Amino acid sequence: MYGGTISNNESTNKGGGGVTVWGGGLVTIAGGTISGNKATENGGGIYTNGTLTISGNSVIENNEAGNGGGVFYYGTYSSSSMTISGSAKIAGNTATGNGGGIYFKNKGTLVMNGGSITGNTATGDGGGVYFGGDTFRISGNLDISGNKKAGADNNVYLPTDKYITIVGALTGSKPIGVT
């Protein structure tokens, strides 16, 4: 996707109110907006197990789901990856379960070297990000702030034995809260 809008769609099946790519495909969002979509279960905006890149001026906002209000990513293999860069924005999404902005499940690597995850909410853990993959790597000018769990600050949730690796300079001025 290099522009345009995917909005106001609903999935009452597994997931993917806006976009579903399952079976290991390549998903590139390099511009455009995915907004106002709903999924009963997972991934209000995006539901995928393929290689996912969100970059440029992409906006994933105001989507709703059980888990992964903005994005539900299921890493099938340790080599699976999701990358957020540039000025990409994941904001204002809601999960009635975990991962208001992103729910990253199972295996793989989440790389964030720019972009923002802000103003998302979850009833469960991870107002901004629920990370259950192998490696979460960050660098650059990024912003993971203003996300909430049941009204309290909750930017990134890391289950037992999960961690964030800083792989380069953090050039932004926003803190990242981890629970």
Foldseek 3Di string as FASTA:
>chain_A
DQEEEFEDAEAAPADAQGEEDEDADEAEAAYYEFEHGEYAADARRYEYQYAEEHEHAYEQEHAEYQEAQRYEYEHPDQAHEYEYAYAYEQEHGEHQEYAQRYEYDDEYEYEYEAHEQAHAEYQYAAQRYEDHYAEYEYHHAYYQFHGYHVNDTHRYEYPPPYDYHYPYHHPYDHDGDYD
